[in-house]
């Protein structure tokens, strides 16, 4: 991930136009898409070069070449910057910066034998229209999702945060395929340590290319060996803007339809934007329901395996009789039976996700019903276990974060193994191991289990449940933000009718 930084090539200016053309053609392996044109103007020789398909040719013709060639006086660097009607002009004198700028969609103008070269960003924007979110479906609130266009995503973020405190800091990552990244934060609220940590991790990356924000997370997260996600990945602009307004740091990546939020806690992955738009008591109910669903998904099937294998005494007599009748014709031990059905559920889910939407939905429903019924009739599994497996699968889908839902489903398998080998003792061993791991885990250097550990009573109402808006006067204090207070508590409680 990290390697020794390359030394920048020394300046090649001043230079003849033919010599500069030869260098560029050699660097781009005589690629025909590199447009290098030499113009004679007022006893001057000027070169304009760029890659054709990366550039908005209408802007090049009308805003750059037309005023460049129609001027009657001679050109200089200062005259170019002051008279060409483009605001993105800058000077460059390093070959590495020129090569990188060409790939980023910049047009370069060079006056022969000058000491610097001018570049203008005239990149052609190829983007799809705004659409609804796919992986984070919501009923209440804004439905629009991020796109692959960084400019569009920044625009959506600006619409969500109408403040001059919002900073969208530009960072370019990638040696062979440079990609623009924006570090987003509110300078008057976000913790300076969090900003510096994220900036340092991004700038320290020495890598050929960044394919997507998901890949970037794997390169900069605190613990790459952990199964738990340490940064939140969202495709909802309103969640991204809301998190930044609460003091977190965000990252937007060019050609990626998702934004990165950090630092986060374990409880952040069970919060939905719908919790904000519902009444506080309803939102709290659904948030608590998701926490309960997490425990059901991870522990229900392992407890079944442990009880049926070792601990018959904890099963009520009526249920034990029904369970015995259900498993009378099953030739396999409970651990194998549970593994078989869990793998079947995962196969159906993965196949449904890869098939076209309508076909995938039909295949998931029909496949689950047909295969489940056939498995019971063939004596491969019991009716009761199918009920438990179905409840566990449904509970895992309640997590708003797809990454956390996947983590919960994967955790079931080692817990089933521990339950089948050691019974309830094995389950307790697995739970203790998970707790110890979560206690050690961090997100951008912040405790992953905050505010439960270290305990912070003031932040519990922002994680485990919700309070009414007029009582949410403070931001998340565990992250030590610059400004903790959102509004005055006394003024929020003061209500006046029109006749008062």
Protein backbone atom coordinates (compact mmCIF):
# COMPACT_ATOMS: atom_id res chain seq x y z
CA UNK A 1 0.00 0.00 0.00
CA UNK A 2 2.81 2.37 0.82
CA UNK A 3 6.13 2.62 -0.94
CA UNK A 4 8.89 5.11 -1.50
CA UNK A 5 7.69 8.27 -3.18
CA UNK A 6 8.90 8.87 -6.72
CA UNK A 7 11.09 11.88 -7.29
CA UNK A 8 9.46 14.45 -9.51
CA UNK A 9 11.04 14.94 -12.91
CA UNK A 10 13.03 18.16 -13.13
CA UNK A 11 11.66 21.01 -15.22
CA UNK A 12 12.06 20.67 -19.00
CA UNK A 13 11.40 24.37 -19.66
CA UNK A 14 12.37 26.46 -21.53
CA UNK A 15 12.07 24.13 -24.50
CA UNK A 16 11.39 24.01 -28.22
CA UNK A 17 7.92 22.91 -29.28
CA UNK A 18 9.25 19.95 -31.27
CA UNK A 19 11.29 18.75 -28.30
CA UNK A 20 8.26 18.98 -25.99
CA UNK A 21 6.15 17.12 -28.55
CA UNK A 22 8.72 14.34 -28.78
CA UNK A 23 8.80 13.94 -25.00
CA UNK A 24 5.01 13.78 -24.73
CA UNK A 25 4.69 11.33 -27.64
CA UNK A 26 7.27 9.09 -26.00
CA UNK A 27 5.48 9.21 -22.63
CA UNK A 28 2.14 8.34 -24.25
CA UNK A 29 3.66 5.73 -26.57
CA UNK A 30 2.75 7.73 -29.69
CA UNK A 31 -0.96 7.56 -28.85
CA UNK A 32 -3.04 9.10 -31.65
CA UNK A 33 -5.55 10.46 -29.10
CA UNK A 34 -2.98 13.00 -27.89
CA UNK A 35 -3.76 16.14 -29.87
CA UNK A 36 -0.64 18.34 -30.18
CA UNK A 37 -1.14 21.40 -32.40
CA UNK A 38 1.39 24.19 -33.10
CA UNK A 39 0.08 27.68 -33.98
CA UNK A 40 2.05 30.65 -35.37
CA UNK A 41 0.80 33.91 -33.91
CA UNK A 42 2.43 37.39 -34.02
CA UNK A 43 5.93 35.99 -34.52
CA UNK A 44 5.30 33.50 -31.72
CA UNK A 45 4.97 29.73 -31.79
CA UNK A 46 2.34 28.34 -29.43
CA UNK A 47 1.49 24.69 -28.73
CA UNK A 48 -1.91 23.49 -27.52
CA UNK A 49 -2.19 19.84 -26.49
CA UNK A 50 -4.70 17.56 -24.76
CA UNK A 51 -6.34 14.13 -25.07
CA UNK A 52 -9.31 14.48 -27.39
CA UNK A 53 -11.95 12.26 -25.75
CA UNK A 54 -11.34 13.71 -22.28
CA UNK A 55 -12.00 17.30 -23.31
CA UNK A 56 -15.14 19.34 -23.97
CA UNK A 57 -14.22 20.33 -27.53
CA UNK A 58 -16.85 23.11 -27.72
CA UNK A 59 -15.21 24.90 -24.80
CA UNK A 60 -11.79 24.42 -26.37
CA UNK A 61 -12.91 25.93 -29.67
CA UNK A 62 -15.01 28.82 -28.34
CA UNK A 63 -13.45 29.76 -25.00
CA UNK A 64 -9.79 28.98 -25.60
CA UNK A 65 -8.67 28.78 -29.24
CA UNK A 66 -10.89 31.62 -30.51
CA UNK A 67 -9.55 34.32 -28.14
CA UNK A 68 -6.06 32.81 -28.41
CA UNK A 69 -5.84 33.23 -32.19
CA UNK A 70 -7.88 36.41 -32.60
CA UNK A 71 -5.62 38.54 -30.39
CA UNK A 72 -3.57 41.06 -32.37
CA UNK A 73 -0.87 41.60 -29.78
CA UNK A 74 1.73 39.05 -28.73
CA UNK A 75 0.99 36.63 -25.92
CA UNK A 76 2.63 36.22 -22.54
CA UNK A 77 1.82 34.08 -19.50
CA UNK A 78 0.16 37.00 -17.72
CA UNK A 79 -1.80 38.02 -20.82
CA UNK A 80 -3.09 34.46 -21.30
CA UNK A 81 -4.31 34.18 -17.73
CA UNK A 82 -5.96 37.63 -17.82
CA UNK A 83 -7.61 37.55 -21.26
CA UNK A 84 -8.75 33.99 -21.89
CA UNK A 85 -12.30 33.76 -20.43
CA UNK A 86 -11.70 30.66 -18.30
CA UNK A 87 -11.36 30.66 -14.52
CA UNK A 88 -9.38 27.44 -14.10
CA UNK A 89 -6.06 28.68 -15.47
CA UNK A 90 -2.85 27.84 -13.59
CA UNK A 91 0.85 27.59 -14.34
CA UNK A 92 2.88 24.38 -14.29
CA UNK A 93 6.60 23.78 -14.80
CA UNK A 94 6.98 20.07 -13.99
CA UNK A 95 6.63 17.19 -16.45
CA UNK A 96 5.00 14.86 -13.91
CA UNK A 97 2.27 17.41 -13.20
CA UNK A 98 1.71 17.88 -16.95
CA UNK A 99 1.33 14.14 -17.58
CA UNK A 100 -1.07 13.80 -14.67
CA UNK A 101 -3.06 16.86 -15.78
CA UNK A 102 -3.48 15.51 -19.31
CA UNK A 103 -5.07 12.36 -17.90
CA UNK A 104 -7.37 14.45 -15.68
CA UNK A 105 -8.83 16.33 -18.65
CA UNK A 106 -6.69 19.50 -18.75
CA UNK A 107 -5.72 21.55 -21.83
CA UNK A 108 -2.16 22.94 -21.92
CA UNK A 109 -0.88 26.03 -23.71
CA UNK A 110 2.87 26.56 -24.12
CA UNK A 111 4.61 29.59 -25.62
CA UNK A 112 7.92 28.44 -27.08
CA UNK A 113 11.01 29.04 -24.92
CA UNK A 114 8.92 30.18 -21.94
CA UNK A 115 9.75 29.01 -18.42
CA UNK A 116 6.23 27.78 -17.50
CA UNK A 117 3.17 26.30 -19.15
CA UNK A 118 -0.52 27.14 -18.62
CA UNK A 119 -3.26 24.56 -18.05
CA UNK A 120 -7.04 24.85 -18.12
CA UNK A 121 -9.44 22.21 -16.80
CA UNK A 122 -11.97 21.56 -19.58
CA UNK A 123 -12.93 18.00 -18.70
CA UNK A 124 -15.90 16.43 -20.44
CA UNK A 125 -18.46 15.22 -17.88
CA UNK A 126 -20.05 11.84 -18.63
CA UNK A 127 -22.69 11.13 -15.99
CA UNK A 128 -26.00 9.39 -15.51
CA UNK A 129 -29.10 11.15 -14.26
CA UNK A 130 -30.09 11.14 -10.61
CA UNK A 131 -32.01 8.08 -9.44
CA UNK A 132 -33.29 6.39 -6.26
CA UNK A 133 -30.96 4.59 -3.88
CA UNK A 134 -30.70 0.82 -4.39
CA UNK A 135 -28.89 -0.57 -1.33
CA UNK A 136 -30.30 1.95 1.18
CA UNK A 137 -34.00 2.06 0.39
CA UNK A 138 -36.01 4.55 2.42
CA UNK A 139 -39.73 5.34 2.68
CA UNK A 140 -39.55 8.81 4.27
CA UNK A 141 -37.13 11.55 3.37
CA UNK A 142 -35.15 12.35 0.18
CA UNK A 143 -34.96 9.47 -2.30
CA UNK A 144 -32.10 10.70 -4.52
CA UNK A 145 -28.77 8.85 -4.53
CA UNK A 146 -25.18 9.73 -5.38
CA UNK A 147 -23.94 9.14 -8.95
CA UNK A 148 -20.52 8.36 -10.42
CA UNK A 149 -19.90 12.06 -11.12
CA UNK A 150 -17.83 13.78 -8.43
CA UNK A 151 -19.15 17.20 -9.48
CA UNK A 152 -22.75 16.01 -9.07
CA UNK A 153 -22.00 14.49 -5.67
CA UNK A 154 -20.35 17.70 -4.47
CA UNK A 155 -23.36 19.66 -5.69
CA UNK A 156 -25.72 17.39 -3.73
CA UNK A 157 -23.54 17.80 -0.65
CA UNK A 158 -23.57 21.59 -1.00
CA UNK A 159 -27.36 21.54 -1.28
CA UNK A 160 -27.55 19.55 1.95
CA UNK A 161 -25.18 21.89 3.84
CA UNK A 162 -25.72 25.55 2.94
CA UNK A 163 -22.78 26.84 4.95
CA UNK A 164 -19.53 28.55 4.06
CA UNK A 165 -17.90 26.40 6.75
CA UNK A 166 -18.16 23.35 4.47
CA UNK A 167 -14.75 22.41 3.08
CA UNK A 168 -14.34 20.10 0.08
CA UNK A 169 -10.59 19.64 0.06
CA UNK A 170 -9.10 18.25 -3.15
CA UNK A 171 -6.70 15.29 -3.03
CA UNK A 172 -5.41 13.32 -6.03
CA UNK A 173 -4.46 9.65 -5.51
CA UNK A 174 -2.97 7.23 -8.02
CA UNK A 175 0.42 7.01 -9.69
CA UNK A 176 -0.58 5.49 -13.03
CA UNK A 177 -4.31 6.29 -12.98
CA UNK A 178 -4.80 9.44 -10.87
CA UNK A 179 -8.25 9.93 -9.37
CA UNK A 180 -9.64 13.02 -7.69
CA UNK A 181 -10.91 12.68 -4.12
CA UNK A 182 -12.66 15.28 -1.95
CA UNK A 183 -12.26 15.43 1.81
CA UNK A 184 -15.44 17.00 3.24
CA UNK A 185 -15.89 18.50 6.72
CA UNK A 186 -17.20 21.53 8.60
CA UNK A 187 -14.16 23.44 9.80
CA UNK A 188 -16.01 25.03 12.72
CA UNK A 189 -17.30 21.72 14.11
CA UNK A 190 -15.17 18.72 13.07
CA UNK A 191 -12.36 17.60 15.35
CA UNK A 192 -9.02 18.72 13.93
CA UNK A 193 -7.39 15.40 14.85
CA UNK A 194 -9.96 13.48 12.79
CA UNK A 195 -9.37 15.78 9.80
CA UNK A 196 -5.60 15.48 10.04
CA UNK A 197 -5.75 11.70 10.47
CA UNK A 198 -7.94 11.21 7.42
CA UNK A 199 -5.88 13.65 5.35
CA UNK A 200 -2.63 11.91 6.31
CA UNK A 201 -3.98 8.45 5.49
CA UNK A 202 -5.10 9.65 2.07
CA UNK A 203 -1.89 11.52 1.27
CA UNK A 204 0.32 8.63 2.42
CA UNK A 205 -1.21 6.24 -0.10
CA UNK A 206 1.25 5.26 -2.82
CA UNK A 207 -0.77 3.10 -5.20
CA UNK A 208 -1.33 2.81 -8.93
CA UNK A 209 -5.09 3.39 -8.92
CA UNK A 210 -8.20 3.56 -6.72
CA UNK A 211 -11.09 1.66 -8.30
CA UNK A 212 -13.86 2.72 -5.93
CA UNK A 213 -14.60 4.12 -2.48
CA UNK A 214 -14.98 0.54 -1.19
CA UNK A 215 -11.37 -0.16 -2.19
CA UNK A 216 -10.22 3.10 -0.62
CA UNK A 217 -11.85 2.10 2.70
CA UNK A 218 -9.89 -1.15 2.74
CA UNK A 219 -6.66 0.81 2.30
CA UNK A 220 -7.19 3.40 5.04
CA UNK A 221 -9.34 1.68 7.70
CA UNK A 222 -7.92 1.03 11.14
CA UNK A 223 -7.94 -2.78 11.04
CA UNK A 224 -8.07 -4.54 7.68
CA UNK A 225 -8.24 -7.95 9.40
CA UNK A 226 -11.54 -7.22 11.16
CA UNK A 227 -14.82 -8.46 9.71
CA UNK A 228 -16.63 -5.36 11.03
CA UNK A 229 -16.78 -2.26 8.79
CA UNK A 230 -15.03 0.70 10.42
CA UNK A 231 -16.13 3.40 7.98
CA UNK A 232 -19.71 3.95 6.86
CA UNK A 233 -20.32 3.75 3.13
CA UNK A 234 -23.52 5.46 1.98
CA UNK A 235 -25.20 6.29 -1.32
CA UNK A 236 -27.62 8.77 0.30
CA UNK A 237 -26.59 12.45 0.05
CA UNK A 238 -28.85 13.39 2.97
CA UNK A 239 -27.13 10.87 5.28
CA UNK A 240 -23.73 12.08 4.08
CA UNK A 241 -24.64 15.74 4.69
CA UNK A 242 -26.27 14.96 8.03
CA UNK A 243 -23.17 13.12 9.26
CA UNK A 244 -20.88 15.98 8.23
CA UNK A 245 -23.13 18.51 9.98
CA UNK A 246 -22.75 16.44 13.17
CA UNK A 247 -18.96 16.78 13.04
CA UNK A 248 -17.84 13.72 11.14
CA UNK A 249 -15.46 13.66 8.17
CA UNK A 250 -16.59 12.57 4.70
CA UNK A 251 -14.79 11.44 1.55
CA UNK A 252 -16.11 11.53 -2.02
CA UNK A 253 -14.31 9.62 -4.79
CA UNK A 254 -14.46 10.28 -8.50
CA UNK A 255 -16.40 7.59 -10.42
CA UNK A 256 -17.88 6.14 -7.23
CA UNK A 257 -21.60 6.38 -6.33
CA UNK A 258 -21.00 6.14 -2.58
CA UNK A 259 -19.56 8.46 0.05
CA UNK A 260 -17.40 7.53 3.05
CA UNK A 261 -18.19 8.70 6.60
CA UNK A 262 -15.80 8.52 9.56
CA UNK A 263 -15.39 8.15 12.46
CA UNK A 264 -18.35 5.88 13.21
CA UNK A 265 -19.38 3.48 15.94
CA UNK A 266 -20.97 0.05 15.87
CA UNK A 267 -24.33 1.68 16.59
CA UNK A 268 -24.04 3.95 13.54
CA UNK A 269 -24.69 0.96 11.27
CA UNK A 270 -28.13 0.44 12.84
CA UNK A 271 -29.25 4.04 12.41
CA UNK A 272 -31.42 4.89 9.43
CA UNK A 273 -32.20 8.30 8.01
CA UNK A 274 -35.86 7.39 8.46
CA UNK A 275 -35.31 7.55 12.23
CA UNK A 276 -34.85 11.31 11.82
CA UNK A 277 -38.01 11.83 9.81
CA UNK A 278 -40.28 9.77 12.07
CA UNK A 279 -41.56 10.89 15.44
CA UNK A 280 -38.94 10.34 18.11
CA UNK A 281 -40.78 7.51 19.90
CA UNK A 282 -41.45 5.59 16.67
CA UNK A 283 -37.88 6.10 15.51
CA UNK A 284 -36.55 4.85 18.85
CA UNK A 285 -38.76 1.76 18.63
CA UNK A 286 -37.43 0.76 15.22
CA UNK A 287 -33.84 1.45 16.22
CA UNK A 288 -34.14 -0.79 19.29
CA UNK A 289 -35.86 -3.38 17.10
CA UNK A 290 -32.81 -3.48 14.84
CA UNK A 291 -30.50 -4.12 17.82
CA UNK A 292 -32.73 -6.99 18.94
CA UNK A 293 -32.77 -8.34 15.38
CA UNK A 294 -28.96 -8.37 15.36
CA UNK A 295 -28.87 -10.64 18.44
CA UNK A 296 -31.60 -12.86 16.98
CA UNK A 297 -29.73 -13.23 13.70
CA UNK A 298 -26.40 -14.10 15.32
CA UNK A 299 -27.59 -16.30 18.22
CA UNK A 300 -30.93 -17.94 17.37
CA UNK A 301 -29.62 -20.76 15.16
CA UNK A 302 -26.56 -21.45 17.37
CA UNK A 303 -28.82 -21.73 20.45
CA UNK A 304 -30.99 -24.24 18.56
CA UNK A 305 -27.92 -26.32 17.69
CA UNK A 306 -26.60 -26.17 21.28
CA UNK A 307 -29.95 -27.03 22.85
CA UNK A 308 -30.73 -29.96 20.54
CA UNK A 309 -27.18 -31.34 20.76
CA UNK A 310 -26.31 -30.93 24.47
CA UNK A 311 -28.99 -29.13 26.50
CA UNK A 312 -32.38 -30.85 26.14
CA UNK A 313 -33.19 -29.82 29.72
CA UNK A 314 -33.65 -26.14 28.76
CA UNK A 315 -36.34 -26.96 26.17
CA UNK A 316 -39.97 -26.96 27.45
CA UNK A 317 -41.56 -30.42 27.40
CA UNK A 318 -44.33 -29.63 24.82
CA UNK A 319 -41.76 -28.09 22.47
CA UNK A 320 -39.34 -30.97 23.08
CA UNK A 321 -41.99 -33.50 22.02
CA UNK A 322 -42.74 -31.53 18.86
CA UNK A 323 -39.02 -31.15 18.18
CA UNK A 324 -38.42 -34.87 18.60
CA UNK A 325 -41.20 -35.70 16.17
CA UNK A 326 -39.84 -33.19 13.66
CA UNK A 327 -36.29 -34.59 13.83
CA UNK A 328 -37.28 -38.26 13.97
CA UNK A 329 -36.46 -38.88 10.31
CA UNK A 330 -33.45 -36.53 10.06
CA UNK A 331 -30.24 -38.60 9.75
CA UNK A 332 -27.81 -35.71 10.29
CA UNK A 333 -26.60 -34.08 13.52
CA UNK A 334 -28.00 -30.58 14.24
CA UNK A 335 -24.77 -28.79 13.32
CA UNK A 336 -24.75 -30.32 9.82
CA UNK A 337 -28.47 -29.68 9.44
CA UNK A 338 -28.07 -26.01 10.38
CA UNK A 339 -25.07 -25.56 8.09
CA UNK A 340 -26.98 -27.06 5.18
CA UNK A 341 -29.90 -24.64 5.52
CA UNK A 342 -27.69 -21.61 6.19
CA UNK A 343 -25.70 -22.34 3.04
CA UNK A 344 -28.97 -22.77 1.13
CA UNK A 345 -30.18 -19.35 2.29
CA UNK A 346 -26.89 -17.70 1.32
CA UNK A 347 -26.92 -19.37 -2.10
CA UNK A 348 -30.45 -18.13 -2.76
CA UNK A 349 -29.56 -14.62 -1.60
CA UNK A 350 -26.40 -14.45 -3.72
CA UNK A 351 -28.12 -15.86 -6.80
CA UNK A 352 -31.02 -13.42 -6.40
CA UNK A 353 -28.60 -10.49 -6.13
CA UNK A 354 -26.75 -11.44 -9.32
CA UNK A 355 -29.79 -12.11 -11.50
CA UNK A 356 -31.92 -9.37 -13.09
CA UNK A 357 -34.30 -7.77 -10.58
CA UNK A 358 -37.58 -9.42 -11.61
CA UNK A 359 -36.00 -12.83 -12.20
CA UNK A 360 -34.04 -12.60 -8.94
CA UNK A 361 -37.11 -11.87 -6.83
CA UNK A 362 -39.05 -14.74 -8.40
CA UNK A 363 -36.16 -17.16 -8.04
CA UNK A 364 -35.64 -16.23 -4.38
CA UNK A 365 -39.28 -16.77 -3.41
CA UNK A 366 -39.88 -19.92 -5.50
CA UNK A 367 -36.47 -21.38 -4.67
CA UNK A 368 -36.94 -20.87 -0.94
CA UNK A 369 -40.40 -22.42 -0.87
CA UNK A 370 -39.65 -25.34 -3.19
CA UNK A 371 -36.26 -26.29 -1.79
CA UNK A 372 -37.38 -25.83 1.84
CA UNK A 373 -40.46 -28.01 1.36
CA UNK A 374 -38.49 -30.66 -0.52
CA UNK A 375 -35.79 -30.72 2.20
CA UNK A 376 -38.39 -31.38 4.92
CA UNK A 377 -40.17 -34.07 2.90
CA UNK A 378 -36.87 -35.77 2.09
CA UNK A 379 -35.95 -35.88 5.78
CA UNK A 380 -32.88 -33.67 5.41
CA UNK A 381 -34.04 -31.12 7.98
CA UNK A 382 -36.82 -30.36 10.45
CA UNK A 383 -39.70 -27.90 10.22
CA UNK A 384 -38.67 -26.07 13.40
CA UNK A 385 -35.14 -25.40 12.16
CA UNK A 386 -36.52 -23.90 8.94
CA UNK A 387 -38.51 -21.46 11.07
CA UNK A 388 -35.39 -20.49 13.05
CA UNK A 389 -33.27 -20.12 9.92
CA UNK A 390 -35.93 -17.95 8.30
CA UNK A 391 -36.17 -15.70 11.36
CA UNK A 392 -32.37 -15.34 11.46
CA UNK A 393 -32.24 -14.41 7.77
CA UNK A 394 -35.05 -11.87 8.10
CA UNK A 395 -33.42 -10.32 11.17
CA UNK A 396 -30.12 -9.83 9.30
CA UNK A 397 -31.90 -7.86 6.56
CA UNK A 398 -33.14 -5.23 9.04
CA UNK A 399 -29.69 -3.61 9.26
CA UNK A 400 -29.75 -0.37 7.19
CA UNK A 401 -26.10 -0.93 6.21
CA UNK A 402 -25.51 -3.67 3.66
CA UNK A 403 -21.97 -4.20 4.96
CA UNK A 404 -23.14 -4.71 8.54
CA UNK A 405 -25.92 -7.05 7.38
CA UNK A 406 -23.33 -9.14 5.56
CA UNK A 407 -21.12 -9.18 8.66
CA UNK A 408 -24.00 -10.45 10.79
CA UNK A 409 -24.75 -13.26 8.34
CA UNK A 410 -21.12 -14.36 8.26
CA UNK A 411 -20.87 -14.35 12.08
CA UNK A 412 -23.56 -17.04 12.30
CA UNK A 413 -21.30 -19.72 10.83
CA UNK A 414 -18.50 -19.69 13.45
CA UNK A 415 -21.14 -19.36 16.18
CA UNK A 416 -22.90 -22.49 14.84
CA UNK A 417 -19.59 -24.37 14.89
CA UNK A 418 -18.89 -23.33 18.50
CA UNK A 419 -22.44 -24.28 19.50
CA UNK A 420 -22.16 -27.70 17.84
CA UNK A 421 -18.78 -28.46 19.45
CA UNK A 422 -19.10 -26.95 22.96
CA UNK A 423 -22.78 -26.15 23.35
CA UNK A 424 -23.76 -23.00 25.28
CA UNK A 425 -20.21 -22.75 26.61
CA UNK A 426 -19.03 -22.39 23.01
CA UNK A 427 -21.63 -19.68 22.36
CA UNK A 428 -20.48 -17.76 25.43
CA UNK A 429 -16.88 -18.15 24.30
CA UNK A 430 -17.82 -16.69 20.91
CA UNK A 431 -19.71 -13.79 22.49
CA UNK A 432 -16.77 -12.97 24.77
CA UNK A 433 -14.38 -13.07 21.83
CA UNK A 434 -16.62 -10.68 19.87
CA UNK A 435 -16.89 -8.26 22.80
CA UNK A 436 -13.11 -8.24 23.30
CA UNK A 437 -12.57 -7.67 19.59
CA UNK A 438 -15.08 -4.81 19.48
CA UNK A 439 -13.50 -3.21 22.55
CA UNK A 440 -10.13 -3.13 20.78
CA UNK A 441 -11.54 -1.92 17.46
CA UNK A 442 -11.35 1.76 16.46
CA UNK A 443 -12.66 3.96 13.67
CA UNK A 444 -10.26 6.72 12.66
CA UNK A 445 -8.70 6.27 16.09
CA UNK A 446 -12.01 6.61 17.96
CA UNK A 447 -13.47 3.76 20.12
CA UNK A 448 -15.78 1.57 18.07
CA UNK A 449 -18.18 0.89 20.97
CA UNK A 450 -18.52 4.52 22.01
CA UNK A 451 -20.53 5.71 23.97
CA UNK A 452 -21.01 2.35 25.71
CA UNK A 453 -17.24 1.98 26.09
CA UNK A 454 -15.89 4.30 27.30
CA UNK A 455 -19.24 5.05 28.92
CA UNK A 456 -20.76 8.43 28.11
CA UNK A 457 -24.33 8.87 29.40
CA UNK A 458 -24.89 12.05 27.39
CA UNK A 459 -24.46 10.25 24.06
CA UNK A 460 -26.66 7.23 24.72
CA UNK A 461 -29.73 9.08 23.47
CA UNK A 462 -27.99 9.58 20.11
CA UNK A 463 -27.20 5.90 19.60
CA UNK A 464 -29.49 3.44 21.40
CA UNK A 465 -32.62 5.57 21.07
CA UNK A 466 -33.84 9.05 20.09
CA UNK A 467 -35.10 11.99 22.08
CA UNK A 468 -37.44 14.74 20.81
CA UNK A 469 -35.69 17.33 18.65
CA UNK A 470 -36.05 20.12 21.21
CA UNK A 471 -34.00 18.00 23.64
CA UNK A 472 -31.18 17.19 21.21
CA UNK A 473 -29.17 20.28 22.03
CA UNK A 474 -25.71 18.70 21.89
CA UNK A 475 -23.76 16.84 19.25
CA UNK A 476 -21.89 13.57 19.83
CA UNK A 477 -19.52 14.61 22.62
CA UNK A 478 -17.45 11.40 22.54
CA UNK A 479 -15.75 12.61 19.35
CA UNK A 480 -14.64 15.86 21.06
CA UNK A 481 -15.93 18.26 18.46
CA UNK A 482 -15.05 21.95 18.36
CA UNK A 483 -18.65 23.05 18.87
CA UNK A 484 -20.89 20.68 20.85
CA UNK A 485 -24.05 22.78 21.03
CA UNK A 486 -26.58 22.85 18.21
CA UNK A 487 -28.98 25.33 19.84
CA UNK A 488 -30.08 26.70 23.21
CA UNK A 489 -32.15 24.32 25.32
CA UNK A 490 -34.04 27.16 27.00
CA UNK A 491 -35.04 28.79 23.70
CA UNK A 492 -36.13 25.44 22.25
CA UNK A 493 -38.57 24.88 25.12
CA UNK A 494 -39.98 28.39 24.89
CA UNK A 495 -43.26 28.22 22.95
CA UNK A 496 -45.36 31.26 22.18
CA UNK A 497 -48.76 31.45 20.53
CA UNK A 498 -49.59 34.26 18.13
CA UNK A 499 -51.57 36.16 20.76
CA UNK A 500 -48.79 36.18 23.35
